[in-house]
Amino acid sequence: MAEGLFTWPSDAPQLIGSEHEGVISFPPRPGETQRLLGRTGTLWSFTTQQFRPPSPPYDGDDTAESFRSYAIGYVELPGELLVQARLTEADPERLRIGQEMELMVVPYTTRPDGTEILTFAFAPVAGAQGPAGAAASGGTGESAE
């Protein structure tokens, strides 16, 4: 897990940002006052990753054959900022701009020594309505970066 990005362990994890002269940043900037960011927001934009990214910098434990598509999006945390993150839902048909999203901590990869690496991702809030009345889906529980 990347240290200092989110609270963990926690039943209600939060991203750790920073603030300086009224400007909120994520990830937190050295020397600035740390603050916890909101856990929920709205999906502002997204795209899907259909092929395994090049290594480095990608360090997942999958191969070209075992790679599973995932979605990346911007989630607007009201009154704070936009956060770029993986989404737990990979099917673009189950995602809607304006959909309510919630922060989760999910598995990312397992190191050769067996250490499981965790990261944060946003999941659609079950039962929430997006624009045009489309019901949001639950997260798939897929790994996220």
Protein backbone atom coordinates (compact mmCIF):
# COMPACT_ATOMS: atom_id res chain seq x y z
CA MET A 1 0.00 0.00 0.00
CA ALA A 2 1.27 3.46 -0.78
CA GLU A 3 1.80 5.03 2.62
CA GLY A 4 0.04 8.27 3.43
CA LEU A 5 -2.64 8.15 0.71
CA PHE A 6 -5.60 6.78 2.70
CA THR A 7 -6.59 5.78 6.20
CA TRP A 8 -6.24 2.06 6.84
CA PRO A 9 -7.35 -0.16 8.46
CA SER A 10 -10.80 1.42 8.58
CA ASP A 11 -14.44 0.48 8.00
CA ALA A 12 -14.83 3.93 6.42
CA PRO A 13 -11.49 4.71 4.73
CA GLN A 14 -10.72 8.26 3.64
CA LEU A 15 -8.15 9.75 1.30
CA ILE A 16 -5.51 11.91 2.96
CA GLY A 17 -5.07 15.23 1.23
CA SER A 18 -3.44 18.48 2.20
CA GLU A 19 -4.46 22.11 2.29
CA HIS A 20 -2.46 25.31 1.96
CA GLU A 21 -3.97 28.80 1.74
CA GLY A 22 -7.37 27.30 0.94
CA VAL A 23 -6.11 25.07 -1.88
CA ILE A 24 -6.77 21.35 -1.37
CA SER A 25 -4.39 18.81 -2.94
CA PHE A 26 -4.29 15.07 -3.41
CA PRO A 27 -1.96 13.32 -2.92
CA PRO A 28 -0.89 15.40 0.09
CA ARG A 29 1.98 17.81 -0.50
CA PRO A 30 4.96 17.77 1.87
CA GLY A 31 4.93 20.62 4.37
CA GLU A 32 1.22 21.34 3.99
CA THR A 33 -1.47 20.71 6.58
CA GLN A 34 -2.92 17.23 6.14
CA ARG A 35 -6.69 16.78 6.03
CA LEU A 36 -9.08 13.91 5.43
CA LEU A 37 -11.12 14.14 2.24
CA GLY A 38 -14.76 13.17 1.77
CA ARG A 39 -15.61 9.50 1.14
CA THR A 40 -18.28 10.05 -1.48
CA GLY A 41 -18.57 12.03 -4.66
CA THR A 42 -19.92 11.96 -8.18
CA LEU A 43 -18.44 10.38 -11.26
CA TRP A 44 -17.27 13.24 -13.42
CA SER A 45 -15.62 11.34 -16.31
CA PHE A 46 -14.29 7.83 -17.01
CA THR A 47 -12.63 5.58 -19.55
CA THR A 48 -11.69 1.91 -19.70
CA GLN A 49 -8.25 0.31 -19.94
CA GLN A 50 -8.62 -2.62 -22.34
CA PHE A 51 -5.00 -3.87 -22.46
CA ARG A 52 -2.21 -4.40 -19.95
CA PRO A 53 -0.22 -1.18 -19.53
CA PRO A 54 3.54 -1.35 -20.20
CA SER A 55 5.90 -2.35 -17.38
CA PRO A 56 7.39 -0.28 -15.98
CA PRO A 57 5.67 1.77 -14.67
CA TYR A 58 2.75 -0.69 -14.34
CA ASP A 59 3.60 -3.28 -11.69
CA GLY A 60 0.52 -5.49 -11.48
CA ASP A 61 1.03 -9.23 -11.00
CA ASP A 62 -1.02 -10.15 -14.07
CA THR A 63 0.19 -11.11 -17.53
CA ALA A 64 -1.06 -10.12 -20.98
CA GLU A 65 -3.15 -13.32 -20.91
CA SER A 66 -4.60 -12.87 -17.41
CA PHE A 67 -5.13 -9.09 -17.60
CA ARG A 68 -8.71 -7.93 -16.90
CA SER A 69 -10.04 -4.62 -18.19
CA TYR A 70 -10.64 -1.88 -15.65
CA ALA A 71 -12.09 1.62 -15.58
CA ILE A 72 -10.38 4.82 -14.48
CA GLY A 73 -12.34 7.91 -13.66
CA TYR A 74 -12.42 11.33 -12.11
CA VAL A 75 -14.61 11.54 -9.02
CA GLU A 76 -15.63 14.99 -7.80
CA LEU A 77 -15.52 15.25 -4.02
CA PRO A 78 -18.01 18.08 -3.33
CA GLY A 79 -16.36 21.31 -2.20
CA GLU A 80 -12.90 19.71 -2.39
CA LEU A 81 -11.42 18.53 -5.71
CA LEU A 82 -11.45 15.95 -8.52
CA VAL A 83 -9.63 12.70 -7.75
CA GLN A 84 -8.37 10.38 -10.48
CA ALA A 85 -8.73 6.74 -9.44
CA ARG A 86 -9.53 3.25 -10.56
CA LEU A 87 -13.17 2.31 -10.40
CA THR A 88 -14.36 -1.04 -9.06
CA GLU A 89 -16.85 -1.36 -11.91
CA ALA A 90 -15.19 -2.15 -15.26
CA ASP A 91 -18.33 -2.35 -17.44
CA PRO A 92 -18.94 1.07 -19.04
CA GLU A 93 -22.61 0.17 -19.49
CA ARG A 94 -22.95 0.15 -15.69
CA LEU A 95 -21.32 3.56 -15.19
CA ARG A 96 -22.99 6.95 -15.64
CA ILE A 97 -21.60 10.47 -15.44
CA GLY A 98 -23.07 12.01 -12.27
CA GLN A 99 -23.35 8.62 -10.55
CA GLU A 100 -22.72 8.62 -6.79
CA MET A 101 -19.42 6.92 -5.89
CA GLU A 102 -17.90 5.77 -2.61
CA LEU A 103 -14.26 5.23 -1.63
CA MET A 104 -13.13 1.63 -1.06
CA VAL A 105 -9.80 -0.03 -0.29
CA VAL A 106 -9.18 -2.97 -2.62
CA PRO A 107 -6.37 -5.43 -3.49
CA TYR A 108 -4.01 -4.21 -6.20
CA THR A 109 -1.26 -6.82 -6.52
CA THR A 110 0.72 -9.41 -4.60
CA ARG A 111 4.49 -9.05 -4.42
CA PRO A 112 6.76 -12.10 -5.04
CA ASP A 113 7.28 -12.41 -1.26
CA GLY A 114 3.50 -12.82 -0.78
CA THR A 115 2.82 -9.29 0.48
CA GLU A 116 -0.61 -8.10 -0.66
CA ILE A 117 -0.62 -4.49 -1.83
CA LEU A 118 -3.81 -2.48 -1.31
CA THR A 119 -4.97 0.67 -3.05
CA PHE A 120 -8.00 2.91 -3.18
CA ALA A 121 -10.77 2.85 -5.77
CA PHE A 122 -14.25 4.27 -6.11
CA ALA A 123 -17.32 2.05 -6.32
CA PRO A 124 -20.82 2.98 -7.47
CA VAL A 125 -23.12 3.44 -4.49
CA ALA A 126 -25.67 0.61 -4.64
CA GLY A 127 -29.17 1.83 -5.44
CA ALA A 128 -28.06 5.41 -6.16
CA GLN A 129 -29.58 7.15 -9.14
CA GLY A 130 -27.43 8.80 -11.78
CA PRO A 131 -28.67 11.37 -14.28
CA ALA A 132 -31.67 10.39 -16.37
CA GLY A 133 -32.79 8.07 -13.55
CA ALA A 134 -30.34 5.29 -14.37
CA ALA A 135 -29.74 3.10 -11.32
CA ALA A 136 -26.14 2.76 -10.26
CA SER A 137 -24.71 -0.72 -10.04
CA GLY A 138 -22.72 -2.22 -7.21
CA GLY A 139 -18.98 -2.63 -7.52
CA THR A 140 -17.54 -5.83 -8.91
CA GLY A 141 -14.80 -6.16 -6.33
CA GLU A 142 -12.14 -6.25 -9.04
CA SER A 143 -8.65 -5.17 -8.13
CA ALA A 144 -7.89 -1.51 -8.62
CA GLU A 145 -4.82 0.66 -8.87
